[in-house]
């Protein structure tokens, strides 16, 4: 089965925002595919990101990564965090949330280019008069 982490992340994000709290994610920046401003990463290789609606633009959370644009020191920055790099998600106001165990980050499936292999011959649709 696929990882349940992206589903749990989306559910906790919705639960936190529905309760009028600020969702934060804790990210392990050592994993490949993490694109964050390195000057804000702590000595343990982690960064806490505010992913609230008011703090980010273009937030997408799919089964492979969390992507958005945010300002760091006034500079707009594109952020990408593979779901496997998310250590936890929690509400800033009360710490309610979830911490995850380490797991491998799944690679997104490669798009399959259109080929003629396995292509069936396509007949043009034909109409006939039925009396």
Protein backbone atom coordinates (compact mmCIF):
# COMPACT_ATOMS: atom_id res chain seq x y z
CA UNK A 1 0.00 0.00 0.00
CA UNK A 2 1.05 3.59 -0.44
CA UNK A 3 2.06 5.74 2.50
CA UNK A 4 -0.77 7.14 4.62
CA UNK A 5 1.35 10.14 5.62
CA UNK A 6 0.07 12.56 2.92
CA UNK A 7 -3.52 11.74 3.84
CA UNK A 8 -2.86 12.25 7.54
CA UNK A 9 -1.05 15.53 6.83
CA UNK A 10 -4.01 16.87 4.85
CA UNK A 11 -6.44 15.75 7.54
CA UNK A 12 -4.45 17.38 10.35
CA UNK A 13 -4.02 20.55 8.28
CA UNK A 14 -7.79 20.77 7.82
CA UNK A 15 -8.47 19.96 11.48
CA UNK A 16 -6.00 22.60 12.70
CA UNK A 17 -7.35 25.32 10.40
CA UNK A 18 -10.99 24.39 11.12
CA UNK A 19 -10.21 25.05 14.79
CA UNK A 20 -8.82 28.49 13.90
CA UNK A 21 -5.26 27.58 14.75
CA UNK A 22 -2.03 28.06 12.80
CA UNK A 23 -0.62 24.90 11.17
CA UNK A 24 3.15 24.48 11.41
CA UNK A 25 5.17 21.65 9.88
CA UNK A 26 8.54 20.46 11.15
CA UNK A 27 10.80 19.40 8.27
CA UNK A 28 13.97 17.29 8.14
CA UNK A 29 16.06 19.12 5.54
CA UNK A 30 18.59 16.30 5.20
CA UNK A 31 16.29 14.32 2.91
CA UNK A 32 16.57 14.76 -0.84
CA UNK A 33 14.06 16.95 -2.61
CA UNK A 34 13.69 19.47 0.24
CA UNK A 35 13.86 23.02 -1.10
CA UNK A 36 13.89 25.55 1.76
CA UNK A 37 16.07 28.58 2.56
CA UNK A 38 19.11 27.01 4.21
CA UNK A 39 19.88 30.10 6.31
CA UNK A 40 16.74 29.35 8.36
CA UNK A 41 17.60 25.69 9.04
CA UNK A 42 18.64 24.94 12.65
CA UNK A 43 21.76 23.03 13.74
CA UNK A 44 19.80 19.74 13.73
CA UNK A 45 18.95 20.18 10.05
CA UNK A 46 15.32 21.01 10.76
CA UNK A 47 13.08 23.94 9.90
CA UNK A 48 9.62 24.89 11.14
CA UNK A 49 7.33 26.29 8.46
CA UNK A 50 4.09 28.18 8.97
CA UNK A 51 1.75 26.78 6.31
CA UNK A 52 -1.32 28.82 7.23
CA UNK A 53 -3.40 30.38 4.47
CA UNK A 54 -2.22 33.87 5.43
CA UNK A 55 1.48 32.94 5.41
CA UNK A 56 1.77 31.09 2.10
CA UNK A 57 0.56 31.36 -1.48
CA UNK A 58 -0.27 28.53 -3.85
CA UNK A 59 -0.26 25.77 -1.23
CA UNK A 60 -0.58 22.28 -2.70
CA UNK A 61 -0.39 19.08 -0.70
CA UNK A 62 -0.34 16.02 -2.92
CA UNK A 63 0.77 12.45 -2.21
CA UNK A 64 4.43 13.28 -2.85
CA UNK A 65 5.17 16.81 -1.66
CA UNK A 66 3.95 20.00 -0.06
CA UNK A 67 4.63 23.01 -2.28
CA UNK A 68 4.01 26.72 -1.76
CA UNK A 69 5.52 30.17 -1.99
CA UNK A 70 6.38 32.11 1.17
CA UNK A 71 8.37 35.18 2.15
CA UNK A 72 11.60 34.80 4.09
CA UNK A 73 13.06 38.14 5.10
CA UNK A 74 10.73 39.78 2.59
CA UNK A 75 12.00 37.64 -0.30
CA UNK A 76 9.40 35.44 -2.07
CA UNK A 77 10.68 31.86 -2.03
CA UNK A 78 9.34 28.67 -3.62
CA UNK A 79 9.27 25.85 -1.06
CA UNK A 80 9.06 22.12 -1.71
CA UNK A 81 8.92 19.49 1.02
CA UNK A 82 8.55 15.79 0.14
CA UNK A 83 5.97 14.26 2.49
CA UNK A 84 8.60 11.86 3.83
CA UNK A 85 10.61 14.85 5.08
CA UNK A 86 7.75 16.11 7.26
CA UNK A 87 8.60 15.15 10.84
CA UNK A 88 5.38 16.55 12.29
CA UNK A 89 2.43 18.88 11.93
CA UNK A 90 0.99 20.83 14.84
CA UNK A 91 -0.99 23.89 15.88
CA UNK A 92 1.19 26.80 16.99
CA UNK A 93 -1.31 27.88 19.64
CA UNK A 94 -1.50 24.65 21.64
CA UNK A 95 0.97 22.13 20.19
CA UNK A 96 -1.81 19.72 19.21
CA UNK A 97 -0.78 17.62 16.23
CA UNK A 98 1.19 14.57 15.22
CA UNK A 99 4.80 13.44 14.93
CA UNK A 100 5.72 10.88 12.28
CA UNK A 101 8.19 8.02 12.27
CA UNK A 102 10.94 8.06 9.65
CA UNK A 103 9.99 6.49 6.34
CA UNK A 104 11.27 6.39 2.80
CA UNK A 105 10.05 9.16 0.56
CA UNK A 106 8.21 7.68 -2.40
CA UNK A 107 9.22 8.96 -5.80
CA UNK A 108 6.42 10.37 -7.92
CA UNK A 109 5.50 8.05 -10.75
CA UNK A 110 7.23 8.78 -14.03
CA UNK A 111 4.83 10.09 -16.63
CA UNK A 112 4.47 7.56 -19.39
CA UNK A 113 5.17 9.09 -22.78
CA UNK A 114 2.67 8.29 -25.49
CA UNK A 115 3.95 5.42 -27.58
CA UNK A 116 2.61 3.15 -30.22
CA UNK A 117 3.25 0.09 -28.02
CA UNK A 118 0.05 -1.51 -26.94
CA UNK A 119 -1.92 0.82 -29.15
CA UNK A 120 -4.91 -0.82 -30.72
CA UNK A 121 -5.94 0.09 -34.20
CA UNK A 122 -8.63 2.71 -33.98
CA UNK A 123 -11.52 2.53 -36.37
CA UNK A 124 -13.45 5.60 -37.26
CA UNK A 125 -16.93 5.62 -35.79
CA UNK A 126 -19.51 4.58 -38.29
CA UNK A 127 -23.20 5.24 -38.29
CA UNK A 128 -25.76 3.26 -40.19
CA UNK A 129 -29.43 3.70 -40.69
CA UNK A 130 -31.59 1.21 -38.85
CA UNK A 131 -35.14 0.79 -40.21
